[in-house]
Amino acid sequence: MIPIIPLASSSAEDFLRGVPPAPTAAGSGLAAPPPLALYVHWPWCVKKCPYCDFNSHESHRTLGEDSEAAYLAALIGDLEAALPRIWNRSVVSVFIGGGTPSLMRGETVEALLAAIRMRVPLHPGAEITLEANPGTADAAKFAAFRAAGVNRLSIGVQSFDDVKLAALGRIHDSAEAHRAIELALRNFERVNLDLMYALPQQTLAEARQDITTAIRTGVSHLSAYHLTLEPNTPFHHAPPPLPDDDLAADMQEMVEATLGAAGFDHYETSAFAKPASGTDERCRHNLNYWTFGDYLGIGAGAHSKLSNHETIWREARHRNPRAYLHRRHARRFPQHPAVHRPCRSARRIHDECVAPERRLSAAAVCRTHRPAAGRHRRAGAGGAARGPAGDHGRVHPPDATGPAFPQPAFGRVPGVARPASASDCGLRCCHGVREQGQGSRLG
């Protein structure tokens, strides 16, 4: 169960310790801003996967020799332009998502994190995550990322089956996945693996093999997502043969049971953490999204949600990397003017957003609403539930204009009708927050 942290929480230390302060009185608004996270979007990858609708672009088509330096300068300018809205607020987590951020040179990551530290106060225990593709794993580069200050690596393995990896259009194979994990564990204290299930022609036994293989690697955090066919992707235009809803639901239950038996806590829709030596291995960045914390998103397609005692701002950066880079000189990074929404009382927001009776836990949502078959591989501007990079498909706690989480309408119980497919159910809270952050695969 995700810890209940009222919106009135003003202490980053309390957030990191999981201490929930008492909510403010009705009608008083936000007594202080909620915890603040920073999302940084890197929009380039080596090859666009056929299921991916994240804001990612193949690097050989759009990334020139000078683009990495220019994009770094744009990110810094983007952050500086946003400083008036986050002035003197401590950042509890940083998530560098994509795309494939591990394409960056170690020097670029070092310069990026140095620029962030010089401009915003990072909490001493801040979690700093970077997403990596096994196909771009390199011992020297991983060591450089760690030296730069990255303390958590999220690896997009997806599967350990070479046939399934080929069907997904991934650029790595199982051997490269294992090598990347070995290098990650050598350099980072905290490592997450992204996995997917309900893959083309996948059997229950094959899905179980992926989960048990991931457990044997020794990582302390796993994210498991149900593959979905997103509009405007090759998989959507020419769908591969996928497991039916009942088999996909069986896979979901198998994932939960297998990881639970191995000591993993199912703390969020698609995320599982195993305590190591008494430490909390849950992804703090994801928890901040789930508990209605604030987030500043910088980079192409990144989204932000910032609040104070009277207003909530939401805005999105230009999605196209070229358009984003073109605007760095004028420092006009948001694609649209910020949306200002009057803030209701903290009591009302707390009651609707995080009260136990309204706030469905990950397990409760997915078990009750079986047609959606669990954690979907969703994406938006920067990726599926990464939040800031793309809000499409992310579980949204209510803001000033939205209701609380939708209530399940169907269940896998005798006598209760079920939609013909996951797409018919319309329950977006099953479309889990991806490990990383903003959109895509929170982990």
Protein backbone atom coordinates (compact mmCIF):
# COMPACT_ATOMS: atom_id res chain seq x y z
CA MET A 1 0.00 0.00 0.00
CA ILE A 2 1.32 3.45 -0.91
CA PRO A 3 1.83 5.60 2.21
CA ILE A 4 -0.78 8.30 2.72
CA ILE A 5 0.96 11.69 2.68
CA PRO A 6 -1.44 14.66 2.95
CA LEU A 7 -0.95 17.61 0.65
CA ALA A 8 -0.09 19.85 3.55
CA SER A 9 3.26 18.11 3.89
CA SER A 10 5.94 20.80 3.66
CA SER A 11 8.93 18.80 4.78
CA ALA A 12 11.12 16.93 2.34
CA GLU A 13 12.60 15.10 5.30
CA ASP A 14 9.14 13.91 6.34
CA PHE A 15 8.42 12.75 2.79
CA LEU A 16 11.63 10.75 2.54
CA ARG A 17 10.97 9.16 5.94
CA GLY A 18 7.33 8.47 5.06
CA VAL A 19 6.07 10.57 7.99
CA PRO A 20 2.60 11.97 7.21
CA PRO A 21 1.93 15.33 8.93
CA ALA A 22 -1.64 16.26 9.77
CA PRO A 23 -3.68 17.94 7.02
CA THR A 24 -4.60 21.59 7.38
CA ALA A 25 -8.03 22.75 8.43
CA ALA A 26 -10.80 22.99 5.87
CA GLY A 27 -10.78 26.14 3.78
CA SER A 28 -7.17 27.06 4.48
CA GLY A 29 -5.75 25.85 1.13
CA LEU A 30 -2.21 24.53 1.01
CA ALA A 31 -0.30 25.58 4.09
CA ALA A 32 2.93 24.88 2.22
CA PRO A 33 3.89 23.42 -1.16
CA PRO A 34 4.01 19.61 -1.38
CA PRO A 35 7.33 17.83 -2.09
CA LEU A 36 8.91 18.72 -5.43
CA ALA A 37 10.44 16.31 -7.96
CA LEU A 38 12.35 17.12 -11.15
CA TYR A 39 11.89 15.20 -14.40
CA VAL A 40 14.39 15.60 -17.26
CA HIS A 41 13.46 14.23 -20.69
CA TRP A 42 16.03 12.98 -23.22
CA PRO A 43 14.05 12.45 -26.45
CA TRP A 44 16.48 10.31 -28.49
CA CYS A 45 16.90 6.56 -28.82
CA VAL A 46 18.81 4.21 -31.12
CA LYS A 47 15.71 2.64 -32.65
CA LYS A 48 12.02 3.30 -32.17
CA CYS A 49 10.26 0.16 -30.91
CA PRO A 50 7.02 -0.78 -32.72
CA TYR A 51 4.92 -0.60 -29.51
CA CYS A 52 6.32 2.75 -28.34
CA ASP A 53 4.38 6.00 -28.49
CA PHE A 54 6.66 7.87 -26.09
CA ASN A 55 8.13 11.16 -27.22
CA SER A 56 11.26 9.49 -28.60
CA HIS A 57 13.09 9.94 -31.88
CA GLU A 58 15.76 7.84 -33.56
CA SER A 59 19.07 9.56 -32.93
CA HIS A 60 20.60 8.98 -36.36
CA ARG A 61 17.76 11.00 -37.88
CA THR A 62 17.59 13.96 -35.50
CA LEU A 63 20.72 14.05 -33.35
CA GLY A 64 23.65 15.84 -34.96
CA GLU A 65 27.16 16.17 -33.61
CA ASP A 66 26.41 19.40 -31.77
CA SER A 67 22.88 18.50 -30.70
CA GLU A 68 23.87 16.93 -27.37
CA ALA A 69 25.62 20.11 -26.24
CA ALA A 70 22.81 22.28 -27.60
CA TYR A 71 20.19 20.17 -25.85
CA LEU A 72 22.09 20.38 -22.57
CA ALA A 73 22.16 24.17 -22.91
CA ALA A 74 18.43 24.14 -23.62
CA LEU A 75 17.73 22.01 -20.53
CA ILE A 76 19.67 24.43 -18.36
CA GLY A 77 17.85 27.39 -19.88
CA ASP A 78 14.53 25.62 -19.36
CA LEU A 79 15.35 25.06 -15.70
CA GLU A 80 16.46 28.67 -15.22
CA ALA A 81 13.27 29.98 -16.81
CA ALA A 82 11.22 27.92 -14.34
CA LEU A 83 13.14 29.00 -11.22
CA PRO A 84 10.70 31.78 -10.17
CA ARG A 85 8.00 29.15 -9.65
CA ILE A 86 10.11 26.82 -7.53
CA TRP A 87 12.33 29.34 -5.79
CA ASN A 88 13.88 28.03 -2.57
CA ARG A 89 12.05 24.69 -2.83
CA SER A 90 14.06 21.56 -2.15
CA VAL A 91 14.01 18.82 -4.80
CA VAL A 92 13.52 15.31 -3.34
CA SER A 93 14.13 13.33 -6.54
CA VAL A 94 15.45 13.68 -10.09
CA PHE A 95 14.44 11.32 -12.88
CA ILE A 96 16.22 11.38 -16.26
CA GLY A 97 13.97 9.51 -18.69
CA GLY A 98 13.52 9.11 -22.40
CA GLY A 99 14.06 8.01 -25.04
CA THR A 100 17.34 6.45 -24.02
CA PRO A 101 19.23 8.73 -21.60
CA SER A 102 22.09 6.22 -21.44
CA LEU A 103 23.02 7.45 -24.93
CA MET A 104 24.37 10.58 -23.25
CA ARG A 105 28.07 10.88 -22.63
CA GLY A 106 29.15 10.75 -19.01
CA GLU A 107 30.39 14.35 -19.31
CA THR A 108 26.92 15.48 -20.36
CA VAL A 109 25.24 13.84 -17.37
CA GLU A 110 27.87 15.32 -15.07
CA ALA A 111 27.32 18.82 -16.51
CA LEU A 112 23.54 18.41 -16.28
CA LEU A 113 23.54 17.36 -12.63
CA ALA A 114 26.09 20.05 -11.75
CA ALA A 115 23.85 22.66 -13.37
CA ILE A 116 20.85 21.36 -11.41
CA ARG A 117 22.75 21.49 -8.11
CA MET A 118 23.87 25.04 -8.79
CA ARG A 119 20.33 26.25 -9.42
CA VAL A 120 18.05 24.32 -7.07
CA PRO A 121 18.64 22.91 -3.58
CA LEU A 122 18.80 19.13 -3.81
CA HIS A 123 17.79 17.30 -0.67
CA PRO A 124 20.83 15.51 0.84
CA GLY A 125 19.07 12.17 0.35
CA ALA A 126 17.72 12.97 -3.12
CA GLU A 127 17.10 9.99 -5.38
CA ILE A 128 18.66 10.52 -8.83
CA THR A 129 17.52 7.95 -11.42
CA LEU A 130 18.64 7.49 -15.01
CA GLU A 131 17.04 5.14 -17.53
CA ALA A 132 19.29 2.81 -19.52
CA ASN A 133 18.86 0.48 -22.47
CA PRO A 134 20.87 -2.77 -22.25
CA GLY A 135 21.91 -2.23 -25.84
CA THR A 136 23.79 0.93 -24.83
CA ALA A 137 25.36 -0.47 -21.63
CA ASP A 138 29.02 0.35 -21.20
CA ALA A 139 31.20 -0.17 -18.13
CA ALA A 140 33.01 3.15 -18.41
CA LYS A 141 29.81 5.05 -19.07
CA PHE A 142 27.98 3.49 -16.10
CA ALA A 143 30.93 4.38 -13.87
CA ALA A 144 30.81 7.94 -15.20
CA PHE A 145 27.08 8.19 -14.49
CA ARG A 146 27.66 7.06 -10.91
CA ALA A 147 30.55 9.50 -10.45
CA ALA A 148 28.31 12.30 -11.74
CA GLY A 149 25.81 11.62 -8.95
CA VAL A 150 23.29 9.16 -10.41
CA ASN A 151 22.45 6.79 -7.54
CA ARG A 152 19.72 4.68 -9.14
CA LEU A 153 19.62 3.01 -12.57
CA SER A 154 16.46 1.80 -14.30
CA ILE A 155 17.13 -0.75 -17.05
CA GLY A 156 14.61 -1.45 -19.80
CA VAL A 157 15.05 -5.22 -20.07
CA GLN A 158 11.43 -6.02 -21.05
CA SER A 159 12.17 -9.75 -21.45
CA PHE A 160 14.99 -12.29 -21.17
CA ASP A 161 13.64 -14.29 -24.13
CA ASP A 162 15.51 -13.52 -27.35
CA VAL A 163 12.50 -14.42 -29.49
CA LYS A 164 10.26 -12.04 -27.56
CA LEU A 165 12.89 -9.29 -27.63
CA ALA A 166 13.10 -9.59 -31.40
CA ALA A 167 9.30 -9.43 -31.66
CA LEU A 168 9.35 -6.24 -29.58
CA GLY A 169 11.96 -4.68 -31.84
CA ARG A 170 14.49 -4.29 -29.01
CA ILE A 171 18.13 -3.66 -29.90
CA HIS A 172 19.52 -6.01 -27.22
CA ASP A 173 19.41 -9.74 -26.54
CA SER A 174 19.29 -11.71 -23.30
CA ALA A 175 23.07 -11.87 -22.94
CA GLU A 176 23.33 -8.09 -23.23
CA ALA A 177 20.56 -7.69 -20.66
CA HIS A 178 22.44 -9.84 -18.14
CA ARG A 179 25.67 -7.95 -18.82
CA ALA A 180 23.93 -4.60 -18.33
CA ILE A 181 22.46 -5.77 -15.01
CA GLU A 182 25.87 -7.00 -13.85
CA LEU A 183 27.46 -3.65 -14.71
CA ALA A 184 24.62 -1.77 -13.03
CA LEU A 185 24.88 -3.74 -9.77
CA ARG A 186 28.63 -3.12 -9.79
CA ASN A 187 28.17 0.65 -9.95
CA PHE A 188 24.82 1.48 -8.34
CA GLU A 189 23.31 0.74 -4.95
CA ARG A 190 19.79 0.73 -6.37
CA VAL A 191 18.76 -0.88 -9.66
CA ASN A 192 15.33 -1.32 -11.23
CA LEU A 193 14.41 -3.65 -14.08
CA ASP A 194 11.51 -2.90 -16.42
CA LEU A 195 9.72 -6.03 -17.65
CA MET A 196 6.66 -6.53 -19.82
CA TYR A 197 4.20 -9.41 -20.03
CA ALA A 198 1.35 -10.41 -22.36
CA LEU A 199 3.89 -10.20 -25.18
CA PRO A 200 3.24 -11.51 -28.70
CA GLN A 201 2.46 -15.25 -28.52
CA GLN A 202 3.74 -15.40 -24.93
CA THR A 203 2.69 -18.33 -22.74
CA LEU A 204 2.17 -18.25 -18.99
CA ALA A 205 5.31 -20.36 -18.51
CA GLU A 206 7.37 -17.93 -20.59
CA ALA A 207 6.11 -14.97 -18.60
CA ARG A 208 6.94 -16.79 -15.34
CA GLN A 209 10.44 -17.53 -16.63
CA ASP A 210 11.06 -13.82 -17.21
CA ILE A 211 9.97 -12.98 -13.66
CA THR A 212 12.00 -15.73 -12.00
CA THR A 213 15.06 -14.78 -14.06
CA ALA A 214 14.69 -11.16 -12.94
CA ILE A 215 14.43 -12.25 -9.30
CA ARG A 216 17.63 -14.29 -9.61
CA THR A 217 19.59 -11.23 -10.76
CA GLY A 218 19.41 -9.90 -7.20
CA VAL A 219 17.96 -6.44 -7.98
CA SER A 220 15.74 -4.92 -5.29
CA HIS A 221 13.14 -3.27 -7.54
CA LEU A 222 11.10 -4.58 -10.46
CA SER A 223 8.45 -2.95 -12.62
CA ALA A 224 6.10 -5.19 -14.59
CA TYR A 225 3.90 -3.73 -17.33
CA HIS A 226 1.19 -5.21 -19.49
CA LEU A 227 1.92 -4.57 -23.18
CA THR A 228 -0.81 -2.49 -24.83
CA LEU A 229 -1.28 -1.43 -28.43
CA GLU A 230 -1.12 2.35 -28.56
CA PRO A 231 -2.53 4.47 -31.41
CA ASN A 232 -0.08 5.71 -34.03
CA THR A 233 2.36 2.85 -33.50
CA PRO A 234 3.28 0.01 -35.88
CA PHE A 235 1.81 -2.51 -33.42
CA HIS A 236 -1.50 -0.65 -33.50
CA HIS A 237 -1.62 -0.57 -37.31
CA ALA A 238 -0.57 -4.22 -37.67
CA PRO A 239 -1.33 -5.94 -34.35
CA PRO A 240 0.77 -8.98 -33.46
CA PRO A 241 -0.95 -12.05 -31.95
CA LEU A 242 -1.30 -11.33 -28.24
CA PRO A 243 -2.58 -13.40 -25.28
CA ASP A 244 -6.30 -13.03 -24.67
CA ASP A 245 -7.60 -11.11 -21.63
CA ASP A 246 -7.98 -14.19 -19.43
CA LEU A 247 -4.45 -15.39 -20.08
CA ALA A 248 -3.11 -11.86 -19.57
CA ALA A 249 -4.99 -11.67 -16.26
CA ASP A 250 -3.48 -15.03 -15.25
CA MET A 251 -0.05 -13.58 -16.04
CA GLN A 252 -0.78 -10.57 -13.87
CA GLU A 253 -1.74 -12.76 -10.92
CA MET A 254 1.32 -14.90 -11.49
CA VAL A 255 3.57 -11.81 -11.42
CA GLU A 256 2.05 -10.63 -8.15
CA ALA A 257 2.19 -14.05 -6.51
CA THR A 258 5.73 -14.88 -7.67
CA LEU A 259 7.20 -11.56 -6.62
CA GLY A 260 5.28 -11.62 -3.34
CA ALA A 261 6.68 -15.07 -2.52
CA ALA A 262 10.17 -13.72 -3.25
CA GLY A 263 9.75 -10.96 -0.67
CA PHE A 264 8.81 -8.08 -2.97
CA ASP A 265 6.27 -5.53 -1.73
CA HIS A 266 3.65 -4.61 -4.36
CA TYR A 267 3.52 -0.95 -3.39
CA GLU A 268 2.25 0.67 -6.59
CA THR A 269 0.32 -0.39 -9.68
CA SER A 270 3.29 -1.76 -11.59
CA ALA A 271 6.10 -1.53 -9.04
CA PHE A 272 7.56 -4.08 -6.63
CA ALA A 273 10.30 -3.39 -4.10
CA LYS A 274 12.29 -5.74 -1.90
CA PRO A 275 13.76 -4.19 1.26
CA ALA A 276 17.54 -4.55 1.37
CA SER A 277 19.37 -4.34 4.71
CA GLY A 278 16.51 -2.38 6.19
CA THR A 279 16.50 0.28 3.45
CA ASP A 280 13.43 1.48 1.59
CA GLU A 281 13.83 0.44 -2.05
CA ARG A 282 10.60 1.98 -3.31
CA CYS A 283 10.99 4.58 -6.06
CA ARG A 284 10.61 7.93 -4.32
CA HIS A 285 10.06 9.74 -7.61
CA ASN A 286 7.05 7.57 -8.45
CA LEU A 287 5.68 7.88 -4.94
CA ASN A 288 5.77 11.64 -5.29
CA TYR A 289 3.48 11.39 -8.34
CA TRP A 290 1.14 9.00 -6.57
CA THR A 291 0.84 11.24 -3.49
CA PHE A 292 0.05 14.38 -5.47
CA GLY A 293 3.47 15.96 -5.06
CA ASP A 294 4.63 18.69 -7.40
CA TYR A 295 6.90 18.00 -10.37
CA LEU A 296 8.83 20.23 -12.72
CA GLY A 297 9.43 18.68 -16.12
CA ILE A 298 12.14 20.04 -18.41
CA GLY A 299 13.04 18.82 -21.89
CA ALA A 300 11.10 18.15 -25.07
CA GLY A 301 7.51 17.13 -24.29
CA ALA A 302 7.93 17.33 -20.51
CA HIS A 303 4.95 18.21 -18.34
CA SER A 304 4.88 20.13 -15.06
CA LYS A 305 2.46 20.45 -12.17
CA LEU A 306 3.37 23.15 -9.66
CA SER A 307 1.25 24.56 -6.87
CA ASN A 308 1.15 27.13 -4.12
CA HIS A 309 -1.43 28.19 -1.54
CA GLU A 310 -3.88 29.47 -4.16
CA THR A 311 -3.04 28.09 -7.61
CA ILE A 312 -2.04 24.96 -9.53
CA TRP A 313 -0.04 25.42 -12.74
CA ARG A 314 0.09 22.79 -15.45
CA GLU A 315 2.11 23.23 -18.61
CA ALA A 316 3.84 21.20 -21.32
CA ARG A 317 7.07 21.79 -23.23
CA HIS A 318 7.27 21.56 -27.01
CA ARG A 319 7.31 17.88 -28.00
CA ASN A 320 9.44 18.12 -31.11
CA PRO A 321 13.15 18.26 -30.17
CA ARG A 322 13.93 20.68 -32.98
CA ALA A 323 11.11 23.00 -31.95
CA TYR A 324 12.26 22.77 -28.34
CA LEU A 325 15.87 23.58 -29.29
CA HIS A 326 14.75 26.43 -31.56
CA ARG A 327 13.14 28.18 -28.61
CA ARG A 328 16.11 28.03 -26.29
CA HIS A 329 17.36 31.48 -27.28
CA ALA A 330 14.05 33.14 -26.46
CA ARG A 331 13.59 30.83 -23.44
CA ARG A 332 10.00 30.15 -24.41
CA PHE A 333 9.94 26.45 -23.70
CA PRO A 334 6.28 25.76 -22.77
CA GLN A 335 4.16 24.84 -25.76
CA HIS A 336 1.09 26.53 -24.31
CA PRO A 337 0.56 29.16 -21.63
CA ALA A 338 0.38 27.68 -18.17
CA VAL A 339 -3.07 26.49 -17.11
CA HIS A 340 -3.97 28.16 -13.82
CA ARG A 341 -6.51 26.36 -11.69
CA PRO A 342 -7.84 27.71 -8.39
CA CYS A 343 -6.86 25.42 -5.58
CA ARG A 344 -9.60 23.98 -3.42
CA SER A 345 -9.10 23.53 0.28
CA ALA A 346 -6.38 21.13 1.32
CA ARG A 347 -8.97 19.20 3.30
CA ARG A 348 -11.12 18.61 0.24
CA ILE A 349 -8.17 17.65 -1.95
CA HIS A 350 -6.92 15.30 0.75
CA ASP A 351 -10.33 13.70 1.11
CA GLU A 352 -10.68 13.14 -2.63
CA CYS A 353 -7.10 12.27 -3.45
CA VAL A 354 -5.48 10.35 -0.66
CA ALA A 355 -8.20 9.33 1.77
CA PRO A 356 -8.03 5.52 2.11
CA GLU A 357 -11.64 4.97 1.15
CA ARG A 358 -11.21 6.88 -2.12
CA ARG A 359 -7.62 6.06 -2.98
CA LEU A 360 -7.49 2.61 -4.51
CA SER A 361 -4.30 0.71 -3.92
CA ALA A 362 -2.52 -0.74 -6.92
CA ALA A 363 -3.46 -4.30 -6.09
CA ALA A 364 -7.09 -3.44 -5.32
CA VAL A 365 -7.58 -1.60 -8.61
CA CYS A 366 -6.07 -4.25 -10.82
CA ARG A 367 -7.55 -7.27 -9.08
CA THR A 368 -11.03 -5.75 -9.05
CA HIS A 369 -10.86 -4.53 -12.62
CA ARG A 370 -9.53 -7.61 -14.34
CA PRO A 371 -10.49 -6.72 -17.94
CA ALA A 372 -7.67 -4.19 -18.13
CA ALA A 373 -5.32 -7.03 -17.21
CA GLY A 374 -3.06 -4.95 -15.05
CA ARG A 375 -0.21 -2.56 -15.62
CA HIS A 376 -0.26 -1.33 -19.16
CA ARG A 377 2.71 -0.04 -21.07
CA ARG A 378 1.36 3.45 -21.50
CA ALA A 379 3.08 6.51 -22.86
CA GLY A 380 2.65 10.18 -23.41
CA ALA A 381 4.92 13.03 -24.35
CA GLY A 382 7.84 11.53 -22.61
CA GLY A 383 6.57 8.16 -21.74
CA ALA A 384 3.69 6.49 -20.06
CA ALA A 385 3.09 7.40 -16.55
CA ARG A 386 6.21 9.25 -16.06
CA GLY A 387 4.02 12.07 -15.23
CA PRO A 388 5.99 15.04 -16.34
CA ALA A 389 7.10 13.73 -19.70
CA GLY A 390 3.66 12.73 -20.69
CA ASP A 391 0.47 12.61 -18.73
CA HIS A 392 -1.38 10.39 -21.19
CA GLY A 393 -2.22 7.13 -19.51
CA ARG A 394 -0.82 8.17 -16.15
CA VAL A 395 -2.91 7.71 -13.06
CA HIS A 396 -3.93 11.25 -12.20
CA PRO A 397 -4.77 12.16 -8.64
CA PRO A 398 -7.54 14.77 -8.91
CA ASP A 399 -6.66 18.41 -9.27
CA ALA A 400 -8.94 21.39 -9.18
CA THR A 401 -11.05 20.19 -12.09
CA GLY A 402 -10.93 16.42 -12.01
CA PRO A 403 -12.66 13.77 -9.94
CA ALA A 404 -10.97 11.15 -7.84
CA PHE A 405 -9.86 7.84 -9.37
CA PRO A 406 -12.58 6.12 -11.41
CA GLN A 407 -14.28 3.34 -9.55
CA PRO A 408 -14.03 -0.20 -11.01
CA ALA A 409 -17.10 -1.21 -12.93
CA PHE A 410 -16.33 -4.82 -13.71
CA GLY A 411 -14.69 -7.66 -11.92
CA ARG A 412 -13.53 -11.19 -12.63
CA VAL A 413 -16.26 -12.79 -10.59
CA PRO A 414 -19.06 -15.21 -11.57
CA GLY A 415 -22.09 -13.54 -13.05
CA VAL A 416 -20.44 -10.17 -13.69
CA ALA A 417 -20.18 -9.09 -17.31
CA ARG A 418 -16.73 -8.25 -18.62
CA PRO A 419 -15.79 -6.03 -21.57
CA ALA A 420 -14.71 -7.80 -24.70
CA SER A 421 -11.23 -6.35 -24.41
CA ALA A 422 -9.08 -4.17 -22.23
CA SER A 423 -9.74 -1.22 -24.53
CA ASP A 424 -13.46 -1.42 -23.78
CA CYS A 425 -13.14 -0.98 -20.06
CA GLY A 426 -12.03 2.64 -19.99
CA LEU A 427 -10.53 2.39 -16.53
CA ARG A 428 -7.42 4.51 -16.78
CA CYS A 429 -6.20 3.83 -13.28
CA CYS A 430 -5.06 0.42 -14.43
CA HIS A 431 -2.72 2.15 -16.84
CA GLY A 432 0.11 2.32 -14.34
CA VAL A 433 2.69 4.92 -13.71
CA ARG A 434 5.83 3.88 -15.46
CA GLU A 435 9.10 3.52 -13.66
CA GLN A 436 10.68 6.46 -14.65
CA GLY A 437 9.48 8.57 -14.22
CA GLN A 438 7.31 10.87 -16.29
CA GLY A 439 5.53 9.07 -18.50
CA SER A 440 6.46 5.81 -19.81
CA ARG A 441 7.63 3.28 -17.39
CA LEU A 442 7.96 4.48 -13.90
CA GLY A 443 10.41 2.38 -12.04
